[in-house]
Structures are given as structure tokens and as C-alpha cells.
Protein backbone atom coordinates (compact mmCIF):
# COMPACT_ATOMS: atom_id res chain seq x y z
CA MET A 1 99.48 95.40 99.08
CA ASP A 2 102.52 93.39 97.98
CA THR A 3 104.83 93.49 94.99
CA TRP A 4 107.48 91.41 93.25
CA VAL A 5 110.46 92.84 91.34
CA SER A 6 111.77 90.89 88.35
CA PRO A 7 115.49 90.21 88.67
CA GLU A 8 115.73 90.16 84.86
CA THR A 9 113.96 93.40 83.91
CA GLY A 10 113.79 95.31 87.21
CA ARG A 11 110.05 95.84 86.71
CA GLU A 12 107.82 95.86 89.76
CA TYR A 13 104.47 94.03 89.61
CA GLY A 14 101.63 93.95 92.07
CA ILE A 15 101.04 90.41 93.34
CA GLN A 16 98.42 91.05 96.01
CA TRP A 17 95.37 93.34 95.79
CA ARG A 18 92.38 94.29 97.91
CA VAL A 19 89.10 94.96 96.13
CA ARG A 20 86.36 96.72 98.12
CA GLU A 21 82.92 97.73 96.88
CA GLU A 22 80.34 98.99 99.37
CA THR A 23 77.11 98.50 97.39
CA HIS A 24 77.47 94.70 97.47
CA ASN A 25 79.42 94.59 100.74
CA GLN A 26 82.42 93.21 98.87
CA ASP A 27 85.84 92.93 100.46
CA LEU A 28 88.22 90.59 98.64
CA GLU A 29 91.91 89.91 98.90
CA ILE A 30 93.37 88.62 95.64
CA LYS A 31 96.84 87.11 95.67
CA ALA A 32 99.15 85.64 93.03
CA ARG A 33 99.79 81.95 93.58
CA TYR A 34 103.37 82.32 92.32
CA PRO A 35 105.03 85.76 92.10
CA GLU A 36 107.64 84.83 89.46
CA GLN A 37 105.38 84.84 86.38
CA GLU A 38 106.90 87.52 84.15
CA ILE A 39 106.83 86.92 80.42
CA GLN A 40 109.19 88.76 78.06
CA MET A 41 108.35 89.14 74.39
CA SER A 42 110.50 90.62 71.65
CA GLN A 43 108.60 92.90 69.31
CA ALA A 44 109.24 93.50 65.62
CA LEU A 45 109.35 97.23 66.41
CA GLY A 46 112.71 96.87 68.12
CA PHE A 47 111.84 96.79 71.81
CA THR A 48 111.20 94.07 74.38
CA HIS A 49 107.85 94.00 76.11
CA ALA A 50 107.45 92.36 79.52
CA LEU A 51 104.22 91.51 81.27
CA TRP A 52 103.07 89.53 84.27
CA GLU A 53 100.30 86.97 84.11
CA GLY A 54 99.26 84.05 86.22
CA ARG A 55 96.91 82.25 88.55
CA THR A 56 95.40 83.95 91.58
CA THR A 57 93.41 83.04 94.66
CA ALA A 58 90.67 85.16 96.20
CA LEU A 59 89.35 85.21 99.78
CA GLY A 60 86.93 87.55 101.42
CA GLU A 61 83.33 88.54 101.77
CA LEU A 62 80.50 89.23 99.33
CA ALA A 63 77.02 90.28 100.47
CA GLY A 64 77.84 89.27 104.03
CA LYS A 65 78.99 85.75 103.11
CA ALA A 66 82.48 84.30 103.11
CA VAL A 67 83.71 83.52 99.60
CA SER A 68 86.83 82.04 98.03
CA GLY A 69 87.93 81.20 94.54
CA THR A 70 90.63 81.09 91.93
CA GLY A 71 91.29 83.39 89.02
CA TYR A 72 93.75 84.75 86.51
CA ALA A 73 95.40 88.17 86.30
CA GLU A 74 97.34 89.88 83.55
CA LEU A 75 99.34 93.03 84.20
CA ILE A 76 100.45 94.87 81.10
CA ARG A 77 102.52 98.04 81.09
CA PRO A 78 104.09 99.34 77.89
CA PRO A 79 107.86 99.78 77.87
CA ALA A 80 109.06 103.19 79.03
CA ASP A 81 110.42 103.93 75.56
CA VAL A 82 107.40 102.68 73.57
CA SER A 83 106.26 106.18 72.56
CA GLU A 84 109.67 106.79 71.02
CA SER A 85 109.72 103.37 69.29
CA VAL A 86 106.31 103.34 67.65
CA PRO A 87 105.98 105.45 64.52
CA SER A 88 103.06 107.87 64.57
CA ALA A 89 100.29 107.43 62.02
């Protein structure tokens, strides 16, 4: 539903999601509390790995009742060149 683009890596991360599930009449909107939560890690294999993780809030409906809460999300995507960097077994 909404995204944030890191000015350092140029990677785009989702920061707002809608989760719907009909069996339990679930309709939730989950949103990052702070978009700028990218973490960059250098790997021994010679490439830098970036990921997004952070606190979230949730609002919506579950089984016909209004619900709200807090949570945590982690978005991991391997680097574009990881298949070229990792030796095959």
C-alpha cells in the first residue's frame, strides 16, 4: 500500500500492508511506525546485505470486532548479485 526507498541503497521496502482473510473475517492494516529502518550488513562473502526491520502498528477487524495492536516486521531480500557471489556446493 505504501513504500519507502532508502537513499543509501536505493532499495524499496513496503511499509504499509493490508491483510485480509475471509474465514475469520479479518481485515487488518499494518503500518511501520518509522519508515527509515534499513540495516546494512557487510558479509564475509564480499557483498553487502541490506534489510528492513522495525516496529509496526495494526488496526482493523477480526471476527467482527475492532482490534489494534503493535508488532514487528522484518523484510529480507538477498542482494541482486548473491547468486553470483555464493559458491555452489
